[in-house]
Amino acid sequence: MASGLRRGWDPLAAVTALIVLIMMGLYVGFVAQQDGQVLAWFLGALALAALLAIYSAVRTALWRGLALTVSGVILTVVGILGILSIGLPILVAGVLALVGAARSQHDRL
């Protein structure tokens, strides 16, 4: 039974990617409402983290643990930087990614 779980999708990585994609849309929407300018580095960091999480959602992906770890670190840093506005959900996504990375190490054993 456990071997079937190892071949499917990782829900933590998938939820991480979903949260990040939603927050990217909300960020762009909030900035547009305030007639501000989107920070390219912020949006780029979120996009990179989302892509790494999407890649890591497949349990059989090569370098899955590393990709989730990098995604989690990026999201944690960006979440802390944006904590006064949209950072909390991003920080939660970062923690989910790091938990998923730790679990991926357990799956390999």
Protein backbone atom coordinates (compact mmCIF):
# COMPACT_ATOMS: atom_id res chain seq x y z
CA MET A 1 0.00 0.00 0.00
CA ALA A 2 2.79 2.44 0.81
CA SER A 3 4.40 1.92 -2.58
CA GLY A 4 1.25 3.23 -4.27
CA LEU A 5 1.52 6.46 -2.30
CA ARG A 6 5.10 6.96 -3.40
CA ARG A 7 4.21 6.95 -7.09
CA GLY A 8 1.38 9.51 -7.03
CA TRP A 9 1.22 13.19 -6.31
CA ASP A 10 2.47 14.93 -3.21
CA PRO A 11 -0.43 16.94 -1.78
CA LEU A 12 1.86 19.25 0.23
CA ALA A 13 3.75 20.33 -2.89
CA ALA A 14 0.51 20.73 -4.84
CA VAL A 15 -1.10 22.84 -2.11
CA THR A 16 2.08 24.91 -1.87
CA ALA A 17 1.96 25.63 -5.60
CA LEU A 18 -1.75 26.46 -5.43
CA ILE A 19 -1.28 28.91 -2.55
CA VAL A 20 1.60 30.63 -4.32
CA LEU A 21 -0.29 30.94 -7.62
CA ILE A 22 -3.31 32.42 -5.82
CA MET A 23 -1.09 34.85 -3.90
CA MET A 24 0.62 35.92 -7.12
CA GLY A 25 -2.77 36.84 -8.58
CA LEU A 26 -3.84 38.63 -5.41
CA TYR A 27 -0.55 40.53 -5.26
CA VAL A 28 -0.90 41.78 -8.82
CA GLY A 29 -4.54 42.68 -8.13
CA PHE A 30 -3.75 44.59 -4.93
CA VAL A 31 -0.95 46.53 -6.57
CA ALA A 32 -3.16 47.38 -9.55
CA GLN A 33 -5.93 48.64 -7.24
CA GLN A 34 -3.48 50.97 -5.56
CA ASP A 35 -2.04 52.18 -8.89
CA GLY A 36 1.35 50.88 -7.79
CA GLN A 37 4.11 49.09 -9.59
CA VAL A 38 4.60 45.34 -9.29
CA LEU A 39 8.00 44.39 -7.90
CA ALA A 40 9.52 42.14 -10.55
CA TRP A 41 11.91 40.41 -8.11
CA PHE A 42 9.03 39.60 -5.74
CA LEU A 43 6.84 38.19 -8.50
CA GLY A 44 9.83 36.35 -10.00
CA ALA A 45 10.68 34.74 -6.67
CA LEU A 46 7.08 33.59 -6.25
CA ALA A 47 7.01 32.25 -9.82
CA LEU A 48 10.24 30.31 -9.31
CA ALA A 49 8.99 28.86 -6.03
CA ALA A 50 5.68 27.89 -7.65
CA LEU A 51 7.43 26.17 -10.57
CA LEU A 52 9.67 24.23 -8.19
CA ALA A 53 6.64 23.17 -6.13
CA ILE A 54 4.76 22.08 -9.26
CA TYR A 55 7.78 20.04 -10.35
CA SER A 56 8.02 18.52 -6.88
CA ALA A 57 4.37 17.51 -6.80
CA VAL A 58 5.29 14.40 -8.80
CA ARG A 59 6.70 11.95 -6.27
CA THR A 60 8.97 10.29 -8.84
CA ALA A 61 10.62 13.56 -9.92
CA LEU A 62 14.39 13.56 -9.80
CA TRP A 63 15.79 16.08 -7.27
CA ARG A 64 12.31 16.45 -5.77
CA GLY A 65 13.56 17.05 -2.23
CA LEU A 66 16.05 19.69 -3.31
CA ALA A 67 13.45 21.50 -5.42
CA LEU A 68 11.00 21.56 -2.51
CA THR A 69 13.69 22.76 -0.13
CA VAL A 70 14.68 25.63 -2.44
CA SER A 71 10.99 26.50 -2.93
CA GLY A 72 10.42 26.46 0.83
CA VAL A 73 13.42 28.67 1.56
CA ILE A 74 12.41 31.19 -1.13
CA LEU A 75 8.83 31.29 0.13
CA THR A 76 9.90 31.63 3.76
CA VAL A 77 12.18 34.58 2.98
CA VAL A 78 9.65 36.28 0.71
CA GLY A 79 6.88 35.60 3.25
CA ILE A 80 8.88 37.25 6.02
CA LEU A 81 9.64 40.24 3.78
CA GLY A 82 5.96 40.64 2.93
CA ILE A 83 4.57 39.76 6.37
CA LEU A 84 2.87 43.15 6.78
CA SER A 85 0.76 42.66 3.65
CA ILE A 86 0.41 39.30 1.88
CA GLY A 87 3.27 37.47 3.58
CA LEU A 88 1.42 35.18 5.98
CA PRO A 89 -0.07 32.81 3.37
CA ILE A 90 3.27 32.80 1.54
CA LEU A 91 5.03 31.93 4.78
CA VAL A 92 2.55 29.09 5.35
CA ALA A 93 3.28 27.82 1.83
CA GLY A 94 7.01 27.93 2.63
CA VAL A 95 6.51 25.84 5.75
CA LEU A 96 4.40 23.35 3.76
CA ALA A 97 7.16 23.08 1.16
CA LEU A 98 9.81 22.48 3.83
CA VAL A 99 7.66 19.81 5.51
CA GLY A 100 7.15 18.21 2.10
CA ALA A 101 10.90 18.27 1.52
CA ALA A 102 11.51 16.53 4.84
CA ARG A 103 8.86 13.94 3.99
CA SER A 104 10.42 13.35 0.58
CA GLN A 105 13.63 12.27 2.30
CA HIS A 106 11.60 9.76 4.28
CA ASP A 107 9.92 8.49 1.09
CA ARG A 108 13.30 7.71 -0.47
CA LEU A 109 14.29 5.40 2.38
